[in-house]
Amino acid sequence: MQTTYRSHTCGALRLTDEGQTVHLCGWVNAVRDQGGVLFVDLRDRYGVTQVTFRGDKDAALLAAAEPVRPEWALRVTGTVIARPEEARNANLETGDVEVEATALEILSESQTPPFPLGERAEVTPEIRLRHRYLDLRRPRMTKILSDRAKIMAIIRKGLDAQGFIDVETPTLVRSTPEGARDYLVPSRVHPGRFYALPQSPQIFKQLLMVGGQDRYYQFARCYRDEDLRADRQPEFTQIDIEASFVRPDDVFGFLEPVVAELIAAFHGREVPVPFRRMPYAESMERFGNDKPDLRNPLELRVVNDAAAALGFRVFESAVESGGLVKCLVGPGAASFSRKEIDGLEAEARSMGAGGLAWAKVTEDGATGPLGKFLIGDAGLAFLRAVEASPGDLILCAAGAPVVVNRVLSALRDRVAQRLDLVDTNRTEVLWITDFPLLEWNDESERFQAQHHPFTMPAADDVPLVFEAAEKGPDGWDKATLESIRTQAYDLVIDGVEMGSGSVRIHRQDIQQAAFALLGLTPDDVERRFGWFVDALQYGTPPHGGFAIGFDRLVMTLLGEEGIQDVIAFPKTLNASDLMCGAPAEVDDLQMAELHLASTADPDGEDD
């Protein structure tokens, strides 16, 4: 760390350095004036060192140091001395020593920061992001960015050792709108035409396999113009990998030792390899989602038959219409107050449920709105089906599967948190496999790809793809199309989806058939993907890969609640950069050069 400015960092000095003359550079963390003695805590990325200015040894130097204030940048020269035993600071790695200053250079003065840089300071996110360059000086943020770099290094080392090569792919690409919106970039030299910023390097990494590169990876910058959440940003980094001549087991084998090493390094836990695997259908049935937190022991129960026999019209109607009746049992949760249950019901309604049927199980029967139906043999059969015991709370939802699963999945998390059932002392990792090829979009009234249009169907289901493509939309059976499985997989850690992958379609005929199921005409395919489909004619190898959301992975490994704090310069939830003021208007000359005009009102009203 030695430079022409400094001999040591502010985190380096120990008792073994006693007597050395050193040069330190950093920011003033704190100043304590003891009258004739001035203590300055000097901070850099590596730590804090106490610097002492003594008037009895150099009055002029003390006078020069007295004006310094927090966040001034200094260069200090001095001698390392041992602190008196009673003055040692066990909370600092440098706490056994101090530097007795012999020279001071003020490199830069600082205004009073808009917020305290101490770890305990209460600061609004907006203020922190507006002055992110100051926020990054805090030791917590410094450690996060340092750990992020370590995570990246472990991943690179693991992939390099397995023969993967780091290849950059373009970031000015053709727009192929499918899923999230593209960010568009107007071309100055091709008036009226636009590039798109890539949502992922998907097509290019497949073309690298066509090009014989065999094993590729990249820490890729990606862009999606979508509504944001705590774990989303408009621009983000993903760990992108692809390999030739592989099946899903091979891709799992590439990633599992790397992920296990990361968990051991940052959670201090060994996770067994190979990771657990669970088909998508099983995950949806047992947990209501495709990213279950297996530290939570609660499971959902499908009880259509038992529910239909209760004489409860809501349940009967759901079953008759082809819907679901599903229940969640909270062990010992009969102690929940009516206010708590009303809160759960309000949450269910907010997610589209018509209501929430519930009952408390006692030694003498069941109480609550559902309790009056849990009588006789039918009631006993229902209690056996949901595996409820005295003292338990039964929560049931009925209706369309997508709504029922969404509601009970959320309530599963909420009830487990309330009962303190989630075992945070372990890390649960699993692969979700066998995803459906297609999912129906009610808004657009068409099928869309569950993952992306280049996902290889399961070998046994390829004939169904060809058969449906040949029949065309008029001959489609919705249930049959929804049953087609793929060779796709997601990696889930503690209920957080880390990323997705699949074996890709490497045959042109299968790719054309898959496009047909998405409602794409030959003209659509040629316009959007023609250059890619053409490449499949030239001996494309079977290939597959994976992409991990790197920011989300760092967030999970470091135990952060959102990805803003693991990105050096993030955007807000409305995709704004408060620090530099982006997005912003541009001047008329720039607009004219790009052959653009805006219909937007600068004050926010569209014409």
Foldseek 3Di string as FASTA:
>chain_A
DDDPQWDDEQQDDDPVQAFDKIKYKAWFQDWDPPDQKIWTWGDDLRFTAIEIEGCVVPVVQVVVPVVADTGFIKIFIFGKHADPPVQFDPVGSHRRIHGYTDDMDGPGHDDDQPWRLEPPTDDDPLSCLQPVVSVCRRNVLSVLQVVLVVLVVLLVVLQVVVPADEDDDDQFADDQDAPFDWDWAFDLVDFPDITTGAQDCVLVQLVVLLVVSFKYWYQDWHAGDDQFDQADFRIFTKIWMKGFPDALVVQLVSCVVSVQVLCCVQVVDGDDPPAAEAAQVVCCQFQLHQFDQVLQPWTKFWDLPLQCPLPDVLSVVLVVVVKTKMKTKQALCLPPDPVVVVVLQVLLVVLPFPTKAKWAQAPVFIDGPCGVSLDDPSNVVSCVRRVDDHNMMMIITGHHSNSRSVSRNVVSVVSCVVVVRRDPSDKHKYKHFFAAQWDADPVVRAIGGPVHLFFAWDPVCLVVLVVDLVVAPVPDDVVSNRNTTTQKMFMHMSRDTFWIKHWTDLALVSSVSSCRRRVADPVNCCVNPVVSSVSSVNPRGGMMIMMTRSLVVSCVSNVHDGSPSSDSNGADSNNASSNVGPPDDDDPVVCVSSVHDDQADPVGHGD
